[in-house]
């Protein structure tokens, strides 16, 4: 049996939608397993020289976890990954690996838990999203990686919305990394009532901006719960955020936990090359929004 799964990058939070909103981006990691090939693990692309090849990588351990939970042994297999999602940059690389592992385990073990990647209303306790969210510990990036488009997670329930067709995104990816645990540790345990109300209002406006009226993004992406604390962790990210924000008609937010930024150039606006100058080794990646989540070829 030979199975290939492709899982998209994601941008979670999206400004005020902390731990709730997620957007799928058209940049996919690809993982293939082959039960008829000689066992082993190989990587290409982003992080290929640092990922383990002894079966302790996140895809392999996720597959093993699913097999253990079902009390079924995994057969010997060859695993080959092509990584396009930069690691530790706030782009959902861990969630992509976890989703890939769940889907591949389902196919190899014939569990049938990967058939509901289109309609979140058809999920059950064994769905890819539920398994991936539990294993990864963060449902907001697992949801768009599974269902695509714009997702909102509320109490474990996923609501998928169709993004506005004219919405454009540009990922601004630095060379510096930031692990999710450090980014979360920087957040306060309590927030003022005024800040909570501020984010509630802007989150509601963000839904309208992303689905119906992108001109509202400049106002809707403001946040008072997490972005400032995370920007303080990485000076290069804070400087770049300020540079992009200063450009007219280019709304921007921290992607996931950072340090990447997600910009939404509105009609007639572009991010000039000089905005990428300075420390951090920034690269700009114009990406379409991905309307579907993971896909499988068997």
C-alpha atoms as a PDB file:
ATOM      1  CA  UNK A   1       0.000   0.000   0.000  1.00  0.00           C
ATOM      2  CA  UNK A   2       1.248   3.459  -0.948  1.00  0.00           C
ATOM      3  CA  UNK A   3      -0.560   6.534   0.381  1.00  0.00           C
ATOM      4  CA  UNK A   4       0.261  10.237   0.026  1.00  0.00           C
ATOM      5  CA  UNK A   5      -1.355  12.992   2.088  1.00  0.00           C
ATOM      6  CA  UNK A   6      -1.006  16.722   1.520  1.00  0.00           C
ATOM      7  CA  UNK A   7      -1.747  19.106   4.386  1.00  0.00           C
ATOM      8  CA  UNK A   8      -1.801  22.916   4.106  1.00  0.00           C
ATOM      9  CA  UNK A   9      -0.048  25.545   6.150  1.00  0.00           C
ATOM     10  CA  UNK A  10      -2.321  27.515   8.437  1.00  0.00           C
ATOM     11  CA  UNK A  11      -2.403  30.897  10.105  1.00  0.00           C
ATOM     12  CA  UNK A  12      -4.176  30.829  13.455  1.00  0.00           C
ATOM     13  CA  UNK A  13      -5.552  33.615  15.674  1.00  0.00           C
ATOM     14  CA  UNK A  14      -5.737  36.222  12.873  1.00  0.00           C
ATOM     15  CA  UNK A  15      -5.439  39.172  15.222  1.00  0.00           C
ATOM     16  CA  UNK A  16      -8.379  39.259  17.661  1.00  0.00           C
ATOM     17  CA  UNK A  17      -9.497  35.639  17.130  1.00  0.00           C
ATOM     18  CA  UNK A  18      -7.098  34.224  19.729  1.00  0.00           C
ATOM     19  CA  UNK A  19      -7.219  30.390  19.957  1.00  0.00           C
ATOM     20  CA  UNK A  20     -10.367  30.440  17.807  1.00  0.00           C
ATOM     21  CA  UNK A  21      -9.810  31.581  14.198  1.00  0.00           C
ATOM     22  CA  UNK A  22      -7.754  29.802  11.545  1.00  0.00           C
ATOM     23  CA  UNK A  23      -7.070  30.196   7.830  1.00  0.00           C
ATOM     24  CA  UNK A  24      -5.714  27.557   5.415  1.00  0.00           C
ATOM     25  CA  UNK A  25      -2.982  28.699   3.018  1.00  0.00           C
ATOM     26  CA  UNK A  26      -1.986  27.117  -0.278  1.00  0.00           C
ATOM     27  CA  UNK A  27       1.391  25.810   0.860  1.00  0.00           C
ATOM     28  CA  UNK A  28       1.334  22.087   1.546  1.00  0.00           C
ATOM     29  CA  UNK A  29       3.557  19.516   3.170  1.00  0.00           C
ATOM     30  CA  UNK A  30       3.424  16.133   1.467  1.00  0.00           C
ATOM     31  CA  UNK A  31       4.009  12.819   3.227  1.00  0.00           C
ATOM     32  CA  UNK A  32       4.032   9.393   1.589  1.00  0.00           C
ATOM     33  CA  UNK A  33       4.065   6.009   3.297  1.00  0.00           C
ATOM     34  CA  UNK A  34       4.691   2.745   1.487  1.00  0.00           C
ATOM     35  CA  UNK A  35       4.172  -0.557   3.268  1.00  0.00           C
ATOM     36  CA  UNK A  36       5.825  -2.479   0.404  1.00  0.00           C
ATOM     37  CA  UNK A  37       9.098  -0.528   0.491  1.00  0.00           C
ATOM     38  CA  UNK A  38      12.095  -0.991   2.771  1.00  0.00           C
ATOM     39  CA  UNK A  39      11.323   0.620   6.165  1.00  0.00           C
ATOM     40  CA  UNK A  40      12.912   3.979   6.855  1.00  0.00           C
ATOM     41  CA  UNK A  41      12.300   7.719   7.079  1.00  0.00           C
ATOM     42  CA  UNK A  42      13.474  10.376   4.582  1.00  0.00           C
ATOM     43  CA  UNK A  43      12.875  14.144   4.461  1.00  0.00           C
ATOM     44  CA  UNK A  44      13.183  16.830   1.817  1.00  0.00           C
ATOM     45  CA  UNK A  45      12.663  20.581   1.954  1.00  0.00           C
ATOM     46  CA  UNK A  46      12.221  22.739   5.049  1.00  0.00           C
ATOM     47  CA  UNK A  47      14.045  21.328   8.072  1.00  0.00           C
ATOM     48  CA  UNK A  48      15.176  18.203   6.208  1.00  0.00           C
ATOM     49  CA  UNK A  49      18.627  18.279   7.784  1.00  0.00           C
ATOM     50  CA  UNK A  50      17.319  18.481  11.348  1.00  0.00           C
ATOM     51  CA  UNK A  51      14.254  16.225  11.411  1.00  0.00           C
ATOM     52  CA  UNK A  52      14.810  12.788  12.990  1.00  0.00           C
ATOM     53  CA  UNK A  53      14.917   9.691  10.797  1.00  0.00           C
ATOM     54  CA  UNK A  54      14.542   7.169  13.622  1.00  0.00           C
ATOM     55  CA  UNK A  55      10.744   7.275  13.813  1.00  0.00           C
ATOM     56  CA  UNK A  56      10.611   9.939  16.528  1.00  0.00           C
ATOM     57  CA  UNK A  57       9.318  12.648  14.169  1.00  0.00           C
ATOM     58  CA  UNK A  58       5.803  14.019  14.715  1.00  0.00           C
ATOM     59  CA  UNK A  59       4.222  12.224  11.757  1.00  0.00           C
ATOM     60  CA  UNK A  60       5.569   8.836  12.865  1.00  0.00           C
ATOM     61  CA  UNK A  61       4.736   9.307  16.545  1.00  0.00           C
ATOM     62  CA  UNK A  62       1.216  10.433  15.650  1.00  0.00           C
ATOM     63  CA  UNK A  63       0.717   7.295  13.565  1.00  0.00           C
ATOM     64  CA  UNK A  64       2.035   5.199  16.439  1.00  0.00           C
ATOM     65  CA  UNK A  65      -0.271   6.944  18.906  1.00  0.00           C
ATOM     66  CA  UNK A  66      -3.331   6.281  16.755  1.00  0.00           C
ATOM     67  CA  UNK A  67      -2.327   2.637  16.326  1.00  0.00           C
ATOM     68  CA  UNK A  68      -1.850   2.238  20.082  1.00  0.00           C
ATOM     69  CA  UNK A  69      -5.212   3.836  20.855  1.00  0.00           C
ATOM     70  CA  UNK A  70      -6.884   1.372  18.471  1.00  0.00           C
ATOM     71  CA  UNK A  71      -4.809  -1.538  19.825  1.00  0.00           C
ATOM     72  CA  UNK A  72      -3.556  -2.324  16.334  1.00  0.00           C
ATOM     73  CA  UNK A  73       0.095  -2.726  15.286  1.00  0.00           C
ATOM     74  CA  UNK A  74       1.507  -0.589  12.485  1.00  0.00           C
ATOM     75  CA  UNK A  75       3.115  -2.608   9.683  1.00  0.00           C
ATOM     76  CA  UNK A  76       6.723  -1.858   8.686  1.00  0.00           C
ATOM     77  CA  UNK A  77       6.715   1.058   6.273  1.00  0.00           C
ATOM     78  CA  UNK A  78       8.809   3.627   4.437  1.00  0.00           C
ATOM     79  CA  UNK A  79       7.975   7.276   5.123  1.00  0.00           C
ATOM     80  CA  UNK A  80       9.032  10.099   2.804  1.00  0.00           C
ATOM     81  CA  UNK A  81       8.192  13.703   3.642  1.00  0.00           C
ATOM     82  CA  UNK A  82       8.467  16.809   1.445  1.00  0.00           C
ATOM     83  CA  UNK A  83       8.213  19.838   3.706  1.00  0.00           C
ATOM     84  CA  UNK A  84       7.281  23.218   2.275  1.00  0.00           C
ATOM     85  CA  UNK A  85       5.966  24.816   5.472  1.00  0.00           C
ATOM     86  CA  UNK A  86       8.714  26.649   7.409  1.00  0.00           C
ATOM     87  CA  UNK A  87       9.114  25.183  10.892  1.00  0.00           C
ATOM     88  CA  UNK A  88       8.634  27.079  14.171  1.00  0.00           C
ATOM     89  CA  UNK A  89       7.382  30.169  12.322  1.00  0.00           C
ATOM     90  CA  UNK A  90       3.713  30.230  13.360  1.00  0.00           C
ATOM     91  CA  UNK A  91       2.505  28.525  10.182  1.00  0.00           C
ATOM     92  CA  UNK A  92       1.049  25.314  11.594  1.00  0.00           C
ATOM     93  CA  UNK A  93       3.866  22.929  10.674  1.00  0.00           C
ATOM     94  CA  UNK A  94       3.226  20.842  13.802  1.00  0.00           C
ATOM     95  CA  UNK A  95      -0.500  20.651  13.124  1.00  0.00           C
ATOM     96  CA  UNK A  96       0.203  19.691   9.509  1.00  0.00           C
ATOM     97  CA  UNK A  97       2.419  16.839  10.701  1.00  0.00           C
ATOM     98  CA  UNK A  98      -0.187  15.696  13.206  1.00  0.00           C
ATOM     99  CA  UNK A  99      -3.018  15.780  10.663  1.00  0.00           C
ATOM    100  CA  UNK A 100      -0.828  13.879   8.202  1.00  0.00           C
ATOM    101  CA  UNK A 101      -0.065  11.240  10.826  1.00  0.00           C
ATOM    102  CA  UNK A 102      -3.743  10.750  11.693  1.00  0.00           C
ATOM    103  CA  UNK A 103      -4.748  10.430   8.028  1.00  0.00           C
ATOM    104  CA  UNK A 104      -1.922   8.035   7.181  1.00  0.00           C
ATOM    105  CA  UNK A 105      -2.628   5.836  10.208  1.00  0.00           C
ATOM    106  CA  UNK A 106      -6.274   5.730   9.184  1.00  0.00           C
ATOM    107  CA  UNK A 107      -5.406   4.566   5.676  1.00  0.00           C
ATOM    108  CA  UNK A 108      -2.718   2.061   6.661  1.00  0.00           C
ATOM    109  CA  UNK A 109      -4.870   0.521   9.391  1.00  0.00           C
ATOM    110  CA  UNK A 110      -8.141   0.896   7.435  1.00  0.00           C
ATOM    111  CA  UNK A 111      -9.802   2.825  10.271  1.00  0.00           C
ATOM    112  CA  UNK A 112     -12.040   4.987   8.092  1.00  0.00           C
ATOM    113  CA  UNK A 113     -11.590   8.120  10.208  1.00  0.00           C
ATOM    114  CA  UNK A 114     -10.322  10.383   7.418  1.00  0.00           C
ATOM    115  CA  UNK A 115     -13.389  10.667   5.225  1.00  0.00           C
ATOM    116  CA  UNK A 116     -14.825  13.918   6.614  1.00  0.00           C
ATOM    117  CA  UNK A 117     -12.405  16.547   5.430  1.00  0.00           C
ATOM    118  CA  UNK A 118     -15.072  18.440   3.486  1.00  0.00           C
ATOM    119  CA  UNK A 119     -17.986  19.028   5.839  1.00  0.00           C
ATOM    120  CA  UNK A 120     -17.233  19.662   9.534  1.00  0.00           C
ATOM    121  CA  UNK A 121     -20.872  18.849  10.338  1.00  0.00           C
ATOM    122  CA  UNK A 122     -20.153  15.186   9.518  1.00  0.00           C
ATOM    123  CA  UNK A 123     -17.392  14.658  12.067  1.00  0.00           C
ATOM    124  CA  UNK A 124     -17.621  12.271  15.009  1.00  0.00           C
ATOM    125  CA  UNK A 125     -15.336  11.273  17.874  1.00  0.00           C
ATOM    126  CA  UNK A 126     -12.865   9.617  15.509  1.00  0.00           C
ATOM    127  CA  UNK A 127     -12.606  12.418  12.953  1.00  0.00           C
ATOM    128  CA  UNK A 128      -9.232  13.683  11.807  1.00  0.00           C
ATOM    129  CA  UNK A 129      -9.826  17.067  13.424  1.00  0.00           C
ATOM    130  CA  UNK A 130     -10.771  15.630  16.807  1.00  0.00           C
ATOM    131  CA  UNK A 131      -7.776  13.317  16.862  1.00  0.00           C
ATOM    132  CA  UNK A 132      -5.300  15.924  15.614  1.00  0.00           C
ATOM    133  CA  UNK A 133      -6.571  18.639  17.954  1.00  0.00           C
ATOM    134  CA  UNK A 134      -6.278  16.313  20.933  1.00  0.00           C
ATOM    135  CA  UNK A 135      -2.777  15.178  20.040  1.00  0.00           C
ATOM    136  CA  UNK A 136      -1.489  18.645  19.084  1.00  0.00           C
ATOM    137  CA  UNK A 137      -3.213  20.412  21.969  1.00  0.00           C
ATOM    138  CA  UNK A 138      -4.280  23.338  19.760  1.00  0.00           C
ATOM    139  CA  UNK A 139      -7.557  23.062  17.810  1.00  0.00           C
ATOM    140  CA  UNK A 140      -7.351  26.401  15.965  1.00  0.00           C
ATOM    141  CA  UNK A 141      -4.606  25.363  13.467  1.00  0.00           C
ATOM    142  CA  UNK A 142      -5.859  21.767  13.230  1.00  0.00           C
ATOM    143  CA  UNK A 143      -9.268  22.954  11.985  1.00  0.00           C
ATOM    144  CA  UNK A 144      -8.173  24.767   8.784  1.00  0.00           C
ATOM    145  CA  UNK A 145      -5.586  22.047   8.106  1.00  0.00           C
ATOM    146  CA  UNK A 146      -8.475  19.579   8.117  1.00  0.00           C
ATOM    147  CA  UNK A 147     -11.330  21.531   6.537  1.00  0.00           C
ATOM    148  CA  UNK A 148      -9.631  24.356   4.601  1.00  0.00           C
ATOM    149  CA  UNK A 149     -10.916  27.914   4.208  1.00  0.00           C
ATOM    150  CA  UNK A 150     -11.698  30.036   7.263  1.00  0.00           C
ATOM    151  CA  UNK A 151     -12.524  28.117  10.427  1.00  0.00           C
ATOM    152  CA  UNK A 152     -13.799  29.130  13.845  1.00  0.00           C
ATOM    153  CA  UNK A 153     -13.438  26.668  16.721  1.00  0.00           C
ATOM    154  CA  UNK A 154     -15.889  27.019  19.608  1.00  0.00           C
ATOM    155  CA  UNK A 155     -15.843  24.446  22.432  1.00  0.00           C
ATOM    156  CA  UNK A 156     -14.397  21.822  20.105  1.00  0.00           C
ATOM    157  CA  UNK A 157     -16.964  22.464  17.384  1.00  0.00           C
ATOM    158  CA  UNK A 158     -15.722  23.670  13.997  1.00  0.00           C
ATOM    159  CA  UNK A 159     -17.573  26.220  11.899  1.00  0.00           C
ATOM    160  CA  UNK A 160     -16.168  26.625   8.397  1.00  0.00           C
ATOM    161  CA  UNK A 161     -16.759  29.805   6.405  1.00  0.00           C
ATOM    162  CA  UNK A 162     -15.897  30.632   2.810  1.00  0.00           C
ATOM    163  CA  UNK A 163     -13.316  33.448   2.562  1.00  0.00           C
ATOM    164  CA  UNK A 164     -13.988  36.377   0.263  1.00  0.00           C
ATOM    165  CA  UNK A 165     -12.879  35.420  -3.284  1.00  0.00           C
ATOM    166  CA  UNK A 166     -10.771  38.572  -3.728  1.00  0.00           C
ATOM    167  CA  UNK A 167      -8.845  38.142  -0.488  1.00  0.00           C
ATOM    168  CA  UNK A 168      -5.054  38.096  -1.022  1.00  0.00           C
ATOM    169  CA  UNK A 169      -2.390  37.090   1.477  1.00  0.00           C
ATOM    170  CA  UNK A 170       1.365  37.515   1.721  1.00  0.00           C
ATOM    171  CA  UNK A 171       3.330  35.575   4.312  1.00  0.00           C
ATOM    172  CA  UNK A 172       6.331  37.419   5.727  1.00  0.00           C
ATOM    173  CA  UNK A 173       8.664  34.758   7.064  1.00  0.00           C
ATOM    174  CA  UNK A 174      11.836  35.602   9.025  1.00  0.00           C
ATOM    175  CA  UNK A 175      14.896  33.435   9.531  1.00  0.00           C
ATOM    176  CA  UNK A 176      14.455  33.654  13.309  1.00  0.00           C
ATOM    177  CA  UNK A 177      12.271  31.053  15.028  1.00  0.00           C
ATOM    178  CA  UNK A 178       9.881  31.139  17.968  1.00  0.00           C
ATOM    179  CA  UNK A 179       8.540  28.026  19.640  1.00  0.00           C
ATOM    180  CA  UNK A 180       4.863  27.987  20.551  1.00  0.00           C
ATOM    181  CA  UNK A 181       5.482  27.199  24.228  1.00  0.00           C
ATOM    182  CA  UNK A 182       7.646  30.313  24.730  1.00  0.00           C
ATOM    183  CA  UNK A 183       5.132  32.452  22.870  1.00  0.00           C
ATOM    184  CA  UNK A 184       2.305  31.195  25.070  1.00  0.00           C
ATOM    185  CA  UNK A 185       4.304  31.597  28.286  1.00  0.00           C
ATOM    186  CA  UNK A 186       4.635  35.296  27.486  1.00  0.00           C
ATOM    187  CA  UNK A 187       0.880  35.845  27.702  1.00  0.00           C
ATOM    188  CA  UNK A 188      -0.773  37.207  30.859  1.00  0.00           C
ATOM    189  CA  UNK A 189      -3.033  34.971  32.942  1.00  0.00           C
ATOM    190  CA  UNK A 190      -5.657  37.719  33.241  1.00  0.00           C
ATOM    191  CA  UNK A 191      -6.746  40.512  30.931  1.00  0.00           C
ATOM    192  CA  UNK A 192      -8.743  43.687  31.631  1.00  0.00           C
ATOM    193  CA  UNK A 193     -12.452  43.580  30.871  1.00  0.00           C
ATOM    194  CA  UNK A 194     -12.023  46.429  28.387  1.00  0.00           C
ATOM    195  CA  UNK A 195      -9.490  44.390  26.398  1.00  0.00           C
ATOM    196  CA  UNK A 196     -11.785  41.358  26.337  1.00  0.00           C
ATOM    197  CA  UNK A 197     -14.657  43.485  25.058  1.00  0.00           C
ATOM    198  CA  UNK A 198     -12.339  45.092  22.483  1.00  0.00           C
ATOM    199  CA  UNK A 199     -11.421  41.679  21.086  1.00  0.00           C
ATOM    200  CA  UNK A 200     -15.013  40.463  21.055  1.00  0.00           C
ATOM    201  CA  UNK A 201     -16.052  43.374  18.885  1.00  0.00           C
ATOM    202  CA  UNK A 202     -13.091  43.111  16.555  1.00  0.00           C
ATOM    203  CA  UNK A 203     -13.522  39.336  16.178  1.00  0.00           C
ATOM    204  CA  UNK A 204     -17.114  39.854  15.063  1.00  0.00           C
ATOM    205  CA  UNK A 205     -15.945  42.502  12.597  1.00  0.00           C
ATOM    206  CA  UNK A 206     -13.195  40.190  11.360  1.00  0.00           C
ATOM    207  CA  UNK A 207     -15.741  37.585  10.239  1.00  0.00           C
ATOM    208  CA  UNK A 208     -17.433  40.233   8.095  1.00  0.00           C
ATOM    209  CA  UNK A 209     -14.073  41.433   6.763  1.00  0.00           C
ATOM    210  CA  UNK A 210     -12.788  37.988   5.767  1.00  0.00           C
ATOM    211  CA  UNK A 211     -16.003  36.753   4.207  1.00  0.00           C
ATOM    212  CA  UNK A 212     -17.755  39.814   2.805  1.00  0.00           C
ATOM    213  CA  UNK A 213     -15.835  43.113   2.983  1.00  0.00           C
ATOM    214  CA  UNK A 214     -12.000  42.948   3.019  1.00  0.00           C
ATOM    215  CA  UNK A 215     -11.821  46.755   3.284  1.00  0.00           C
ATOM    216  CA  UNK A 216     -12.654  46.305   6.974  1.00  0.00           C
ATOM    217  CA  UNK A 217      -9.474  44.295   7.653  1.00  0.00           C
ATOM    218  CA  UNK A 218      -7.388  47.315   8.634  1.00  0.00           C
ATOM    219  CA  UNK A 219      -9.686  47.909  11.591  1.00  0.00           C
ATOM    220  CA  UNK A 220     -10.765  44.329  12.273  1.00  0.00           C
ATOM    221  CA  UNK A 221      -7.289  42.823  12.798  1.00  0.00           C
ATOM    222  CA  UNK A 222      -6.508  44.886  15.918  1.00  0.00           C
ATOM    223  CA  UNK A 223      -5.887  42.812  19.043  1.00  0.00           C
ATOM    224  CA  UNK A 224      -5.243  43.421  22.744  1.00  0.00           C
ATOM    225  CA  UNK A 225      -4.825  39.874  24.068  1.00  0.00           C
ATOM    226  CA  UNK A 226      -1.694  38.309  22.594  1.00  0.00           C
ATOM    227  CA  UNK A 227       0.052  40.146  19.743  1.00  0.00           C
ATOM    228  CA  UNK A 228       1.897  42.822  21.753  1.00  0.00           C
ATOM    229  CA  UNK A 229       3.319  40.248  24.169  1.00  0.00           C
ATOM    230  CA  UNK A 230       4.556  38.102  21.302  1.00  0.00           C
ATOM    231  CA  UNK A 231       5.941  41.008  19.318  1.00  0.00           C
ATOM    232  CA  UNK A 232       8.000  41.964  22.379  1.00  0.00           C
ATOM    233  CA  UNK A 233       9.704  38.552  22.257  1.00  0.00           C
ATOM    234  CA  UNK A 234      11.222  39.108  18.810  1.00  0.00           C
ATOM    235  CA  UNK A 235      12.415  42.657  18.023  1.00  0.00           C
ATOM    236  CA  UNK A 236      12.748  41.824  14.316  1.00  0.00           C
ATOM    237  CA  UNK A 237       9.094  40.788  14.238  1.00  0.00           C
ATOM    238  CA  UNK A 238       7.982  43.943  16.052  1.00  0.00           C
ATOM    239  CA  UNK A 239       9.947  46.198  13.681  1.00  0.00           C
ATOM    240  CA  UNK A 240       8.579  44.457  10.615  1.00  0.00           C
ATOM    241  CA  UNK A 241       5.037  44.602  11.999  1.00  0.00           C
ATOM    242  CA  UNK A 242       5.366  48.355  12.454  1.00  0.00           C
ATOM    243  CA  UNK A 243       6.805  48.798   8.950  1.00  0.00           C
ATOM    244  CA  UNK A 244       3.983  46.872   7.296  1.00  0.00           C
ATOM    245  CA  UNK A 245       1.324  48.511   9.440  1.00  0.00           C
ATOM    246  CA  UNK A 246       2.618  51.909   8.366  1.00  0.00           C
ATOM    247  CA  UNK A 247       1.870  51.069   4.742  1.00  0.00           C
ATOM    248  CA  UNK A 248      -1.569  52.174   3.680  1.00  0.00           C
ATOM    249  CA  UNK A 249      -4.022  49.456   2.691  1.00  0.00           C
ATOM    250  CA  UNK A 250      -1.859  46.600   3.974  1.00  0.00           C
ATOM    251  CA  UNK A 251      -3.520  45.100   7.073  1.00  0.00           C
ATOM    252  CA  UNK A 252      -1.260  42.711   8.971  1.00  0.00           C
ATOM    253  CA  UNK A 253      -1.363  40.341  11.932  1.00  0.00           C
ATOM    254  CA  UNK A 254       0.937  37.901  13.711  1.00  0.00           C
ATOM    255  CA  UNK A 255       0.593  34.451  12.165  1.00  0.00           C
ATOM    256  CA  UNK A 256      -0.148  31.922  14.868  1.00  0.00           C
ATOM    257  CA  UNK A 257       2.338  32.368  17.691  1.00  0.00           C
ATOM    258  CA  UNK A 258       4.780  34.146  15.340  1.00  0.00           C
ATOM    259  CA  UNK A 259       7.322  35.200  14.322  1.00  0.00           C
ATOM    260  CA  UNK A 260       5.860  35.138  10.794  1.00  0.00           C
ATOM    261  CA  UNK A 261       3.401  37.845   9.839  1.00  0.00           C
ATOM    262  CA  UNK A 262       0.350  37.534   7.604  1.00  0.00           C
ATOM    263  CA  UNK A 263      -0.429  40.570   5.444  1.00  0.00           C
ATOM    264  CA  UNK A 264      -3.574  41.193   3.402  1.00  0.00           C
ATOM    265  CA  UNK A 265      -2.721  43.630   0.586  1.00  0.00           C
ATOM    266  CA  UNK A 266      -5.960  45.271  -0.495  1.00  0.00           C
ATOM    267  CA  UNK A 267      -6.783  46.247  -4.065  1.00  0.00           C
ATOM    268  CA  UNK A 268      -4.064  48.369  -5.609  1.00  0.00           C
ATOM    269  CA  UNK A 269      -1.637  47.865  -2.716  1.00  0.00           C
ATOM    270  CA  UNK A 270       1.611  45.921  -2.672  1.00  0.00           C
ATOM    271  CA  UNK A 271       4.331  45.331  -0.102  1.00  0.00           C
ATOM    272  CA  UNK A 272       7.426  47.176  -1.361  1.00  0.00           C
ATOM    273  CA  UNK A 273      10.751  45.375  -1.283  1.00  0.00           C
ATOM    274  CA  UNK A 274      12.245  47.928   1.109  1.00  0.00           C
ATOM    275  CA  UNK A 275       9.777  46.759   3.758  1.00  0.00           C
ATOM    276  CA  UNK A 276      11.653  43.444   3.852  1.00  0.00           C
ATOM    277  CA  UNK A 277      15.035  45.017   4.489  1.00  0.00           C
ATOM    278  CA  UNK A 278      16.742  44.985   7.853  1.00  0.00           C
ATOM    279  CA  UNK A 279      17.530  42.221  10.382  1.00  0.00           C
ATOM    280  CA  UNK A 280      15.609  38.987  10.332  1.00  0.00           C
ATOM    281  CA  UNK A 281      16.277  37.693   6.824  1.00  0.00           C
ATOM    282  CA  UNK A 282      12.668  38.156   5.734  1.00  0.00           C
ATOM    283  CA  UNK A 283      11.135  36.499   2.700  1.00  0.00           C
ATOM    284  CA  UNK A 284       7.758  37.353   1.216  1.00  0.00           C
ATOM    285  CA  UNK A 285       5.534  34.468   0.109  1.00  0.00           C
ATOM    286  CA  UNK A 286       2.345  35.492  -1.764  1.00  0.00           C
ATOM    287  CA  UNK A 287      -0.121  32.672  -1.198  1.00  0.00           C
ATOM    288  CA  UNK A 288      -3.670  31.915  -2.178  1.00  0.00           C
ATOM    289  CA  UNK A 289      -6.123  30.877   0.490  1.00  0.00           C
ATOM    290  CA  UNK A 290      -6.682  27.144   0.280  1.00  0.00           C
ATOM    291  CA  UNK A 291     -10.347  26.246   0.088  1.00  0.00           C
ATOM    292  CA  UNK A 292      -9.842  22.571   0.950  1.00  0.00           C
ATOM    293  CA  UNK A 293      -7.997  20.923   3.796  1.00  0.00           C
ATOM    294  CA  UNK A 294      -5.905  17.773   3.535  1.00  0.00           C
ATOM    295  CA  UNK A 295      -6.091  15.636   0.415  1.00  0.00           C
ATOM    296  CA  UNK A 296      -5.184  11.966  -0.036  1.00  0.00           C
ATOM    297  CA  UNK A 297      -3.856   9.951  -2.977  1.00  0.00           C
ATOM    298  CA  UNK A 298      -3.827   6.190  -2.544  1.00  0.00           C
END
